[in-house]
């Protein structure tokens, strides 16, 4: 089983949880990238957002960490696309995706 990176303490704070909920409400719980693609005519059926992404990373601009204008709701796939460095870690045996396993049962 792959080891998963612990999340930063910031993401456990009430202030983050509140602004995250506001971002999801603002975006109606939908992935904004899926919606952009659908509106542009090359996407189909937008997915529910499971992640709230900082457009400008917290490490670069901690002052924007709780700024609603710096947040966008994304599905897991589009969030991973925003973080190409995670794909590199996966190749090296690090982070392997969402924290669940899928079992395939052949019938």
PDB file of N, CA and C in Angstrom:
ATOM      1  N   UNK A   1       0.841  -1.182   0.000  1.00  0.00           N
ATOM      2  CA  UNK A   1       0.000   0.000   0.000  1.00  0.00           C
ATOM      3  C   UNK A   1       0.887   1.246   0.000  1.00  0.00           C
ATOM      4  N   UNK A   2       0.518   2.228  -0.783  1.00  0.00           N
ATOM      5  CA  UNK A   2       1.328   3.442  -0.922  1.00  0.00           C
ATOM      6  C   UNK A   2       1.182   4.319   0.313  1.00  0.00           C
ATOM      7  N   UNK A   3       2.222   5.031   0.621  1.00  0.00           N
ATOM      8  CA  UNK A   3       2.190   5.977   1.733  1.00  0.00           C
ATOM      9  C   UNK A   3       1.576   7.278   1.232  1.00  0.00           C
ATOM     10  N   UNK A   4       0.747   7.905   2.044  1.00  0.00           N
ATOM     11  CA  UNK A   4       0.112   9.152   1.660  1.00  0.00           C
ATOM     12  C   UNK A   4       0.704  10.289   2.463  1.00  0.00           C
ATOM     13  N   UNK A   5       0.894  11.406   1.806  1.00  0.00           N
ATOM     14  CA  UNK A   5       1.453  12.585   2.442  1.00  0.00           C
ATOM     15  C   UNK A   5       0.436  13.141   3.432  1.00  0.00           C
ATOM     16  N   UNK A   6       0.902  13.483   4.611  1.00  0.00           N
ATOM     17  CA  UNK A   6       0.049  14.126   5.600  1.00  0.00           C
ATOM     18  C   UNK A   6      -0.298  15.528   5.103  1.00  0.00           C
ATOM     19  N   UNK A   7      -1.522  15.965   5.343  1.00  0.00           N
ATOM     20  CA  UNK A   7      -1.884  17.312   4.930  1.00  0.00           C
ATOM     21  C   UNK A   7      -1.318  18.321   5.929  1.00  0.00           C
ATOM     22  N   UNK A   8      -1.105  19.520   5.457  1.00  0.00           N
ATOM     23  CA  UNK A   8      -0.571  20.583   6.300  1.00  0.00           C
ATOM     24  C   UNK A   8      -1.578  20.955   7.385  1.00  0.00           C
ATOM     25  N   UNK A   9      -1.118  21.377   8.550  1.00  0.00           N
ATOM     26  CA  UNK A   9      -2.036  21.785   9.634  1.00  0.00           C
ATOM     27  C   UNK A   9      -3.035  22.853   9.187  1.00  0.00           C
ATOM     28  N   UNK A  10      -2.619  23.713   8.243  1.00  0.00           N
ATOM     29  CA  UNK A  10      -3.502  24.762   7.722  1.00  0.00           C
ATOM     30  C   UNK A  10      -4.851  24.195   7.280  1.00  0.00           C
ATOM     31  N   UNK A  11      -4.832  23.031   6.634  1.00  0.00           N
ATOM     32  CA  UNK A  11      -6.052  22.456   6.070  1.00  0.00           C
ATOM     33  C   UNK A  11      -6.976  21.830   7.122  1.00  0.00           C
ATOM     34  N   UNK A  12      -6.566  21.841   8.370  1.00  0.00           N
ATOM     35  CA  UNK A  12      -7.399  21.335   9.460  1.00  0.00           C
ATOM     36  C   UNK A  12      -7.997  22.471  10.290  1.00  0.00           C
ATOM     37  N   UNK A  13      -7.641  23.698   9.971  1.00  0.00           N
ATOM     38  CA  UNK A  13      -8.124  24.850  10.729  1.00  0.00           C
ATOM     39  C   UNK A  13      -9.549  25.217  10.309  1.00  0.00           C
ATOM     40  N   UNK A  14     -10.290  25.759  11.269  1.00  0.00           N
ATOM     41  CA  UNK A  14     -11.685  26.158  11.016  1.00  0.00           C
ATOM     42  C   UNK A  14     -11.783  27.234   9.941  1.00  0.00           C
ATOM     43  N   UNK A  15     -10.835  28.170   9.922  1.00  0.00           N
ATOM     44  CA  UNK A  15     -10.874  29.248   8.925  1.00  0.00           C
ATOM     45  C   UNK A  15     -10.822  28.661   7.514  1.00  0.00           C
ATOM     46  N   UNK A  16      -9.955  27.659   7.281  1.00  0.00           N
ATOM     47  CA  UNK A  16      -9.871  27.010   5.967  1.00  0.00           C
ATOM     48  C   UNK A  16     -11.164  26.274   5.668  1.00  0.00           C
ATOM     49  N   UNK A  17     -11.688  25.545   6.618  1.00  0.00           N
ATOM     50  CA  UNK A  17     -12.918  24.772   6.392  1.00  0.00           C
ATOM     51  C   UNK A  17     -14.069  25.698   6.004  1.00  0.00           C
ATOM     52  N   UNK A  18     -14.136  26.873   6.640  1.00  0.00           N
ATOM     53  CA  UNK A  18     -15.207  27.831   6.307  1.00  0.00           C
ATOM     54  C   UNK A  18     -15.051  28.375   4.888  1.00  0.00           C
ATOM     55  N   UNK A  19     -13.835  28.829   4.530  1.00  0.00           N
ATOM     56  CA  UNK A  19     -13.649  29.421   3.200  1.00  0.00           C
ATOM     57  C   UNK A  19     -13.763  28.345   2.119  1.00  0.00           C
ATOM     58  N   UNK A  20     -13.345  27.121   2.424  1.00  0.00           N
ATOM     59  CA  UNK A  20     -13.497  25.999   1.483  1.00  0.00           C
ATOM     60  C   UNK A  20     -14.985  25.757   1.195  1.00  0.00           C
ATOM     61  N   UNK A  21     -15.789  25.755   2.260  1.00  0.00           N
ATOM     62  CA  UNK A  21     -17.242  25.564   2.099  1.00  0.00           C
ATOM     63  C   UNK A  21     -17.850  26.698   1.269  1.00  0.00           C
ATOM     64  N   UNK A  22     -17.381  27.923   1.489  1.00  0.00           N
ATOM     65  CA  UNK A  22     -17.878  29.061   0.702  1.00  0.00           C
ATOM     66  C   UNK A  22     -17.529  28.909  -0.777  1.00  0.00           C
ATOM     67  N   UNK A  23     -16.307  28.449  -1.065  1.00  0.00           N
ATOM     68  CA  UNK A  23     -15.899  28.247  -2.463  1.00  0.00           C
ATOM     69  C   UNK A  23     -16.772  27.177  -3.124  1.00  0.00           C
ATOM     70  N   UNK A  24     -17.018  26.096  -2.424  1.00  0.00           N
ATOM     71  CA  UNK A  24     -17.869  25.031  -2.982  1.00  0.00           C
ATOM     72  C   UNK A  24     -19.294  25.532  -3.208  1.00  0.00           C
ATOM     73  N   UNK A  25     -19.817  26.341  -2.262  1.00  0.00           N
ATOM     74  CA  UNK A  25     -21.168  26.905  -2.439  1.00  0.00           C
ATOM     75  C   UNK A  25     -21.195  27.854  -3.633  1.00  0.00           C
ATOM     76  N   UNK A  26     -20.199  28.723  -3.723  1.00  0.00           N
ATOM     77  CA  UNK A  26     -20.131  29.683  -4.836  1.00  0.00           C
ATOM     78  C   UNK A  26     -20.136  28.962  -6.177  1.00  0.00           C
ATOM     79  N   UNK A  27     -19.391  27.845  -6.251  1.00  0.00           N
ATOM     80  CA  UNK A  27     -19.286  27.091  -7.498  1.00  0.00           C
ATOM     81  C   UNK A  27     -20.358  26.013  -7.617  1.00  0.00           C
ATOM     82  N   UNK A  28     -21.338  26.068  -6.742  1.00  0.00           N
ATOM     83  CA  UNK A  28     -22.478  25.152  -6.735  1.00  0.00           C
ATOM     84  C   UNK A  28     -22.044  23.689  -6.676  1.00  0.00           C
ATOM     85  N   UNK A  29     -20.911  23.445  -6.008  1.00  0.00           N
ATOM     86  CA  UNK A  29     -20.435  22.083  -5.816  1.00  0.00           C
ATOM     87  C   UNK A  29     -19.921  21.409  -7.077  1.00  0.00           C
ATOM     88  N   UNK A  30     -19.735  22.191  -8.135  1.00  0.00           N
ATOM     89  CA  UNK A  30     -19.298  21.620  -9.412  1.00  0.00           C
ATOM     90  C   UNK A  30     -17.858  22.016  -9.718  1.00  0.00           C
ATOM     91  N   UNK A  31     -17.181  21.167 -10.488  1.00  0.00           N
ATOM     92  CA  UNK A  31     -15.821  21.443 -10.922  1.00  0.00           C
ATOM     93  C   UNK A  31     -15.857  22.595 -11.932  1.00  0.00           C
ATOM     94  N   UNK A  32     -15.143  23.674 -11.615  1.00  0.00           N
ATOM     95  CA  UNK A  32     -15.180  24.832 -12.516  1.00  0.00           C
ATOM     96  C   UNK A  32     -14.493  24.537 -13.846  1.00  0.00           C
ATOM     97  N   UNK A  33     -13.488  23.675 -13.846  1.00  0.00           N
ATOM     98  CA  UNK A  33     -12.819  23.326 -15.107  1.00  0.00           C
ATOM     99  C   UNK A  33     -13.746  22.489 -15.984  1.00  0.00           C
ATOM    100  N   UNK A  34     -14.464  21.553 -15.410  1.00  0.00           N
ATOM    101  CA  UNK A  34     -15.453  20.772 -16.179  1.00  0.00           C
ATOM    102  C   UNK A  34     -16.509  21.705 -16.775  1.00  0.00           C
ATOM    103  N   UNK A  35     -16.937  22.694 -15.977  1.00  0.00           N
ATOM    104  CA  UNK A  35     -17.943  23.642 -16.459  1.00  0.00           C
ATOM    105  C   UNK A  35     -17.385  24.491 -17.606  1.00  0.00           C
ATOM    106  N   UNK A  36     -16.125  24.936 -17.477  1.00  0.00           N
ATOM    107  CA  UNK A  36     -15.507  25.718 -18.566  1.00  0.00           C
ATOM    108  C   UNK A  36     -15.473  24.904 -19.852  1.00  0.00           C
ATOM    109  N   UNK A  37     -15.070  23.646 -19.725  1.00  0.00           N
ATOM    110  CA  UNK A  37     -14.976  22.787 -20.913  1.00  0.00           C
ATOM    111  C   UNK A  37     -16.351  22.566 -21.536  1.00  0.00           C
ATOM    112  N   UNK A  38     -17.355  22.353 -20.715  1.00  0.00           N
ATOM    113  CA  UNK A  38     -18.707  22.136 -21.231  1.00  0.00           C
ATOM    114  C   UNK A  38     -19.199  23.402 -21.947  1.00  0.00           C
ATOM    115  N   UNK A  39     -18.979  24.566 -21.332  1.00  0.00           N
ATOM    116  CA  UNK A  39     -19.410  25.827 -21.941  1.00  0.00           C
ATOM    117  C   UNK A  39     -18.669  26.108 -23.249  1.00  0.00           C
ATOM    118  N   UNK A  40     -17.430  25.630 -23.348  1.00  0.00           N
ATOM    119  CA  UNK A  40     -16.644  25.816 -24.572  1.00  0.00           C
ATOM    120  C   UNK A  40     -17.047  24.812 -25.652  1.00  0.00           C
ATOM    121  N   UNK A  41     -17.855  23.833 -25.287  1.00  0.00           N
ATOM    122  CA  UNK A  41     -18.368  22.886 -26.263  1.00  0.00           C
ATOM    123  C   UNK A  41     -17.548  21.624 -26.442  1.00  0.00           C
ATOM    124  N   UNK A  42     -16.536  21.388 -25.598  1.00  0.00           N
ATOM    125  CA  UNK A  42     -15.766  20.153 -25.768  1.00  0.00           C
ATOM    126  C   UNK A  42     -15.746  19.297 -24.508  1.00  0.00           C
ATOM    127  N   UNK A  43     -16.550  19.633 -23.562  1.00  0.00           N
ATOM    128  CA  UNK A  43     -16.665  18.804 -22.367  1.00  0.00           C
ATOM    129  C   UNK A  43     -18.077  18.271 -22.266  1.00  0.00           C
ATOM    130  N   UNK A  44     -18.224  17.169 -21.589  1.00  0.00           N
ATOM    131  CA  UNK A  44     -19.561  16.632 -21.358  1.00  0.00           C
ATOM    132  C   UNK A  44     -19.735  16.384 -19.870  1.00  0.00           C
ATOM    133  N   UNK A  45     -20.924  16.476 -19.427  1.00  0.00           N
ATOM    134  CA  UNK A  45     -21.330  16.212 -18.067  1.00  0.00           C
ATOM    135  C   UNK A  45     -20.281  16.578 -17.012  1.00  0.00           C
ATOM    136  N   UNK A  46     -20.373  17.770 -16.470  1.00  0.00           N
ATOM    137  CA  UNK A  46     -19.415  18.204 -15.452  1.00  0.00           C
ATOM    138  C   UNK A  46     -19.485  17.316 -14.210  1.00  0.00           C
ATOM    139  N   UNK A  47     -18.355  17.204 -13.533  1.00  0.00           N
ATOM    140  CA  UNK A  47     -18.272  16.375 -12.325  1.00  0.00           C
ATOM    141  C   UNK A  47     -18.419  17.229 -11.083  1.00  0.00           C
ATOM    142  N   UNK A  48     -18.777  16.578  -9.988  1.00  0.00           N
ATOM    143  CA  UNK A  48     -18.848  17.241  -8.691  1.00  0.00           C
ATOM    144  C   UNK A  48     -17.434  17.604  -8.248  1.00  0.00           C
ATOM    145  N   UNK A  49     -17.296  18.724  -7.605  1.00  0.00           N
ATOM    146  CA  UNK A  49     -16.004  19.150  -7.064  1.00  0.00           C
ATOM    147  C   UNK A  49     -15.751  18.415  -5.753  1.00  0.00           C
ATOM    148  N   UNK A  50     -14.561  17.892  -5.621  1.00  0.00           N
ATOM    149  CA  UNK A  50     -14.158  17.242  -4.369  1.00  0.00           C
ATOM    150  C   UNK A  50     -12.968  17.962  -3.746  1.00  0.00           C
ATOM    151  N   UNK A  51     -12.374  18.887  -4.489  1.00  0.00           N
ATOM    152  CA  UNK A  51     -11.183  19.607  -4.040  1.00  0.00           C
ATOM    153  C   UNK A  51     -11.413  21.107  -4.193  1.00  0.00           C
ATOM    154  N   UNK A  52     -10.764  21.885  -3.332  1.00  0.00           N
ATOM    155  CA  UNK A  52     -10.737  23.337  -3.503  1.00  0.00           C
ATOM    156  C   UNK A  52      -9.271  23.702  -3.661  1.00  0.00           C
ATOM    157  N   UNK A  53      -8.958  24.269  -4.812  1.00  0.00           N
ATOM    158  CA  UNK A  53      -7.583  24.523  -5.241  1.00  0.00           C
ATOM    159  C   UNK A  53      -7.208  25.984  -5.082  1.00  0.00           C
ATOM    160  N   UNK A  54      -5.986  26.238  -4.581  1.00  0.00           N
ATOM    161  CA  UNK A  54      -5.433  27.587  -4.538  1.00  0.00           C
ATOM    162  C   UNK A  54      -4.825  27.897  -5.907  1.00  0.00           C
ATOM    163  N   UNK A  55      -5.348  28.901  -6.582  1.00  0.00           N
ATOM    164  CA  UNK A  55      -4.802  29.295  -7.890  1.00  0.00           C
ATOM    165  C   UNK A  55      -3.345  29.741  -7.746  1.00  0.00           C
ATOM    166  N   UNK A  56      -3.078  30.580  -6.761  1.00  0.00           N
ATOM    167  CA  UNK A  56      -1.710  30.957  -6.402  1.00  0.00           C
ATOM    168  C   UNK A  56      -1.387  30.156  -5.144  1.00  0.00           C
ATOM    169  N   UNK A  57      -0.379  29.287  -5.202  1.00  0.00           N
ATOM    170  CA  UNK A  57      -0.088  28.406  -4.067  1.00  0.00           C
ATOM    171  C   UNK A  57       0.161  29.144  -2.751  1.00  0.00           C
ATOM    172  N   UNK A  58      -0.244  28.510  -1.671  1.00  0.00           N
ATOM    173  CA  UNK A  58      -0.080  29.073  -0.332  1.00  0.00           C
ATOM    174  C   UNK A  58       1.392  29.353  -0.039  1.00  0.00           C
ATOM    175  N   UNK A  59       2.274  28.476  -0.518  1.00  0.00           N
ATOM    176  CA  UNK A  59       3.712  28.683  -0.281  1.00  0.00           C
ATOM    177  C   UNK A  59       4.215  29.972  -0.917  1.00  0.00           C
ATOM    178  N   UNK A  60       3.644  30.343  -2.066  1.00  0.00           N
ATOM    179  CA  UNK A  60       4.052  31.568  -2.749  1.00  0.00           C
ATOM    180  C   UNK A  60       3.419  32.807  -2.142  1.00  0.00           C
ATOM    181  N   UNK A  61       2.140  32.702  -1.795  1.00  0.00           N
ATOM    182  CA  UNK A  61       1.395  33.855  -1.268  1.00  0.00           C
ATOM    183  C   UNK A  61       0.523  33.430  -0.097  1.00  0.00           C
ATOM    184  N   UNK A  62       1.111  33.253   1.085  1.00  0.00           N
ATOM    185  CA  UNK A  62       0.314  32.858   2.252  1.00  0.00           C
ATOM    186  C   UNK A  62      -0.790  33.855   2.584  1.00  0.00           C
ATOM    187  N   UNK A  63      -0.603  35.104   2.192  1.00  0.00           N
ATOM    188  CA  UNK A  63      -1.617  36.126   2.444  1.00  0.00           C
ATOM    189  C   UNK A  63      -2.901  35.878   1.645  1.00  0.00           C
ATOM    190  N   UNK A  64      -2.838  35.047   0.587  1.00  0.00           N
ATOM    191  CA  UNK A  64      -4.026  34.741  -0.218  1.00  0.00           C
ATOM    192  C   UNK A  64      -4.648  33.387   0.132  1.00  0.00           C
ATOM    193  N   UNK A  65      -4.139  32.748   1.166  1.00  0.00           N
ATOM    194  CA  UNK A  65      -4.581  31.399   1.519  1.00  0.00           C
ATOM    195  C   UNK A  65      -6.084  31.316   1.787  1.00  0.00           C
ATOM    196  N   UNK A  66      -6.653  32.367   2.353  1.00  0.00           N
ATOM    197  CA  UNK A  66      -8.088  32.363   2.677  1.00  0.00           C
ATOM    198  C   UNK A  66      -8.873  33.340   1.807  1.00  0.00           C
ATOM    199  N   UNK A  67      -8.295  33.768   0.704  1.00  0.00           N
ATOM    200  CA  UNK A  67      -8.951  34.696  -0.220  1.00  0.00           C
ATOM    201  C   UNK A  67      -9.818  33.900  -1.193  1.00  0.00           C
ATOM    202  N   UNK A  68     -11.117  34.105  -1.119  1.00  0.00           N
ATOM    203  CA  UNK A  68     -12.067  33.363  -1.948  1.00  0.00           C
ATOM    204  C   UNK A  68     -11.771  33.508  -3.441  1.00  0.00           C
ATOM    205  N   UNK A  69     -11.248  34.665  -3.843  1.00  0.00           N
ATOM    206  CA  UNK A  69     -10.923  34.878  -5.258  1.00  0.00           C
ATOM    207  C   UNK A  69      -9.719  34.054  -5.710  1.00  0.00           C
ATOM    208  N   UNK A  70      -8.972  33.507  -4.777  1.00  0.00           N
ATOM    209  CA  UNK A  70      -7.812  32.680  -5.101  1.00  0.00           C
ATOM    210  C   UNK A  70      -8.161  31.185  -5.091  1.00  0.00           C
ATOM    211  N   UNK A  71      -9.421  30.860  -4.934  1.00  0.00           N
ATOM    212  CA  UNK A  71      -9.845  29.464  -4.828  1.00  0.00           C
ATOM    213  C   UNK A  71     -10.749  29.064  -5.978  1.00  0.00           C
ATOM    214  N   UNK A  72     -10.624  27.804  -6.388  1.00  0.00           N
ATOM    215  CA  UNK A  72     -11.532  27.256  -7.389  1.00  0.00           C
ATOM    216  C   UNK A  72     -11.852  25.815  -7.010  1.00  0.00           C
ATOM    217  N   UNK A  73     -13.101  25.443  -7.185  1.00  0.00           N
ATOM    218  CA  UNK A  73     -13.560  24.085  -6.895  1.00  0.00           C
ATOM    219  C   UNK A  73     -13.250  23.197  -8.091  1.00  0.00           C
ATOM    220  N   UNK A  74     -12.646  22.038  -7.824  1.00  0.00           N
ATOM    221  CA  UNK A  74     -12.253  21.133  -8.901  1.00  0.00           C
ATOM    222  C   UNK A  74     -12.583  19.686  -8.555  1.00  0.00           C
ATOM    223  N   UNK A  75     -12.791  18.879  -9.596  1.00  0.00           N
ATOM    224  CA  UNK A  75     -12.884  17.436  -9.401  1.00  0.00           C
ATOM    225  C   UNK A  75     -11.457  16.920  -9.180  1.00  0.00           C
ATOM    226  N   UNK A  76     -11.326  15.704  -8.730  1.00  0.00           N
ATOM    227  CA  UNK A  76     -10.000  15.158  -8.422  1.00  0.00           C
ATOM    228  C   UNK A  76      -9.090  15.172  -9.655  1.00  0.00           C
ATOM    229  N   UNK A  77      -9.617  14.764 -10.805  1.00  0.00           N
ATOM    230  CA  UNK A  77      -8.801  14.692 -12.023  1.00  0.00           C
ATOM    231  C   UNK A  77      -8.234  16.065 -12.414  1.00  0.00           C
ATOM    232  N   UNK A  78      -9.080  17.082 -12.394  1.00  0.00           N
ATOM    233  CA  UNK A  78      -8.603  18.414 -12.769  1.00  0.00           C
ATOM    234  C   UNK A  78      -7.674  18.992 -11.707  1.00  0.00           C
ATOM    235  N   UNK A  79      -7.878  18.649 -10.453  1.00  0.00           N
ATOM    236  CA  UNK A  79      -6.958  19.099  -9.409  1.00  0.00           C
ATOM    237  C   UNK A  79      -5.579  18.478  -9.628  1.00  0.00           C
ATOM    238  N   UNK A  80      -5.544  17.216  -9.991  1.00  0.00           N
ATOM    239  CA  UNK A  80      -4.263  16.556 -10.265  1.00  0.00           C
ATOM    240  C   UNK A  80      -3.559  17.191 -11.464  1.00  0.00           C
ATOM    241  N   UNK A  81      -4.333  17.627 -12.465  1.00  0.00           N
ATOM    242  CA  UNK A  81      -3.737  18.300 -13.625  1.00  0.00           C
ATOM    243  C   UNK A  81      -3.089  19.620 -13.227  1.00  0.00           C
ATOM    244  N   UNK A  82      -3.631  20.281 -12.207  1.00  0.00           N
ATOM    245  CA  UNK A  82      -3.055  21.545 -11.733  1.00  0.00           C
ATOM    246  C   UNK A  82      -1.747  21.312 -10.973  1.00  0.00           C
ATOM    247  N   UNK A  83      -1.492  20.054 -10.593  1.00  0.00           N
ATOM    248  CA  UNK A  83      -0.301  19.723  -9.806  1.00  0.00           C
ATOM    249  C   UNK A  83       0.537  18.668 -10.518  1.00  0.00           C
ATOM    250  N   UNK A  84       1.248  19.043 -11.591  1.00  0.00           N
ATOM    251  CA  UNK A  84       2.067  18.066 -12.310  1.00  0.00           C
ATOM    252  C   UNK A  84       3.161  17.455 -11.435  1.00  0.00           C
ATOM    253  N   UNK A  85       3.594  18.170 -10.401  1.00  0.00           N
ATOM    254  CA  UNK A  85       4.622  17.626  -9.509  1.00  0.00           C
ATOM    255  C   UNK A  85       4.129  16.378  -8.781  1.00  0.00           C
ATOM    256  N   UNK A  86       2.848  16.239  -8.609  1.00  0.00           N
ATOM    257  CA  UNK A  86       2.297  15.034  -7.976  1.00  0.00           C
ATOM    258  C   UNK A  86       2.454  13.824  -8.886  1.00  0.00           C
ATOM    259  N   UNK A  87       2.338  14.036 -10.190  1.00  0.00           N
ATOM    260  CA  UNK A  87       2.536  12.924 -11.126  1.00  0.00           C
ATOM    261  C   UNK A  87       3.964  12.415 -11.044  1.00  0.00           C
ATOM    262  N   UNK A  88       4.915  13.335 -10.864  1.00  0.00           N
ATOM    263  CA  UNK A  88       6.319  12.931 -10.724  1.00  0.00           C
ATOM    264  C   UNK A  88       6.498  12.086  -9.473  1.00  0.00           C
ATOM    265  N   UNK A  89       5.869  12.484  -8.366  1.00  0.00           N
ATOM    266  CA  UNK A  89       5.970  11.710  -7.125  1.00  0.00           C
ATOM    267  C   UNK A  89       5.374  10.329  -7.299  1.00  0.00           C
ATOM    268  N   UNK A  90       4.269  10.244  -8.050  1.00  0.00           N
ATOM    269  CA  UNK A  90       3.631   8.947  -8.274  1.00  0.00           C
ATOM    270  C   UNK A  90       4.574   8.009  -9.005  1.00  0.00           C
ATOM    271  N   UNK A  91       5.279   8.540 -10.025  1.00  0.00           N
ATOM    272  CA  UNK A  91       6.222   7.707 -10.775  1.00  0.00           C
ATOM    273  C   UNK A  91       7.352   7.215  -9.875  1.00  0.00           C
ATOM    274  N   UNK A  92       7.700   8.033  -8.880  1.00  0.00           N
ATOM    275  CA  UNK A  92       8.775   7.678  -7.964  1.00  0.00           C
ATOM    276  C   UNK A  92       8.290   6.806  -6.808  1.00  0.00           C
ATOM    277  N   UNK A  93       7.012   6.436  -6.822  1.00  0.00           N
ATOM    278  CA  UNK A  93       6.481   5.569  -5.776  1.00  0.00           C
ATOM    279  C   UNK A  93       5.833   6.305  -4.619  1.00  0.00           C
ATOM    280  N   UNK A  94       5.645   7.613  -4.755  1.00  0.00           N
ATOM    281  CA  UNK A  94       5.001   8.395  -3.696  1.00  0.00           C
ATOM    282  C   UNK A  94       3.495   8.352  -3.834  1.00  0.00           C
ATOM    283  N   UNK A  95       2.846   9.445  -3.479  1.00  0.00           N
ATOM    284  CA  UNK A  95       1.390   9.630  -3.598  1.00  0.00           C
ATOM    285  C   UNK A  95       0.789   8.830  -4.744  1.00  0.00           C
ATOM    286  N   UNK A  96      -0.192   8.027  -4.509  1.00  0.00           N
ATOM    287  CA  UNK A  96      -0.753   7.203  -5.579  1.00  0.00           C
ATOM    288  C   UNK A  96      -2.192   7.548  -5.905  1.00  0.00           C
ATOM    289  N   UNK A  97      -2.655   8.735  -5.585  1.00  0.00           N
ATOM    290  CA  UNK A  97      -4.010   9.116  -5.951  1.00  0.00           C
ATOM    291  C   UNK A  97      -4.921   9.208  -4.750  1.00  0.00           C
ATOM    292  N   UNK A  98      -6.225   9.087  -4.977  1.00  0.00           N
ATOM    293  CA  UNK A  98      -7.171   9.250  -3.885  1.00  0.00           C
ATOM    294  C   UNK A  98      -7.005   8.140  -2.856  1.00  0.00           C
ATOM    295  N   UNK A  99      -7.410   8.452  -1.637  1.00  0.00           N
ATOM    296  CA  UNK A  99      -7.218   7.510  -0.529  1.00  0.00           C
ATOM    297  C   UNK A  99      -8.310   6.439  -0.491  1.00  0.00           C
ATOM    298  N   UNK A 100      -8.447   5.706  -1.545  1.00  0.00           N
ATOM    299  CA  UNK A 100      -9.349   4.554  -1.550  1.00  0.00           C
ATOM    300  C   UNK A 100      -8.793   3.516  -2.502  1.00  0.00           C
ATOM    301  N   UNK A 101      -9.237   2.297  -2.307  1.00  0.00           N
ATOM    302  CA  UNK A 101      -8.803   1.223  -3.194  1.00  0.00           C
ATOM    303  C   UNK A 101     -10.013   0.735  -3.971  1.00  0.00           C
ATOM    304  N   UNK A 102      -9.783   0.284  -5.172  1.00  0.00           N
ATOM    305  CA  UNK A 102     -10.859  -0.271  -5.962  1.00  0.00           C
ATOM    306  C   UNK A 102     -10.530  -1.751  -6.175  1.00  0.00           C
ATOM    307  N   UNK A 103     -11.509  -2.572  -5.911  1.00  0.00           N
ATOM    308  CA  UNK A 103     -11.312  -3.993  -6.125  1.00  0.00           C
ATOM    309  C   UNK A 103     -12.169  -4.410  -7.316  1.00  0.00           C
ATOM    310  N   UNK A 104     -11.569  -5.065  -8.280  1.00  0.00           N
ATOM    311  CA  UNK A 104     -12.283  -5.511  -9.467  1.00  0.00           C
ATOM    312  C   UNK A 104     -12.626  -6.981  -9.285  1.00  0.00           C
ATOM    313  N   UNK A 105     -13.897  -7.278  -9.427  1.00  0.00           N
ATOM    314  CA  UNK A 105     -14.355  -8.656  -9.290  1.00  0.00           C
ATOM    315  C   UNK A 105     -14.799  -9.121 -10.650  1.00  0.00           C
ATOM    316  N   UNK A 106     -14.133 -10.142 -11.144  1.00  0.00           N
ATOM    317  CA  UNK A 106     -14.497 -10.688 -12.454  1.00  0.00           C
ATOM    318  C   UNK A 106     -15.603 -11.723 -12.240  1.00  0.00           C
ATOM    319  N   UNK A 107     -16.601 -11.661 -13.111  1.00  0.00           N
ATOM    320  CA  UNK A 107     -17.720 -12.607 -13.012  1.00  0.00           C
ATOM    321  C   UNK A 107     -17.718 -13.574 -14.164  1.00  0.00           C
TER     322      UNK A 107
END
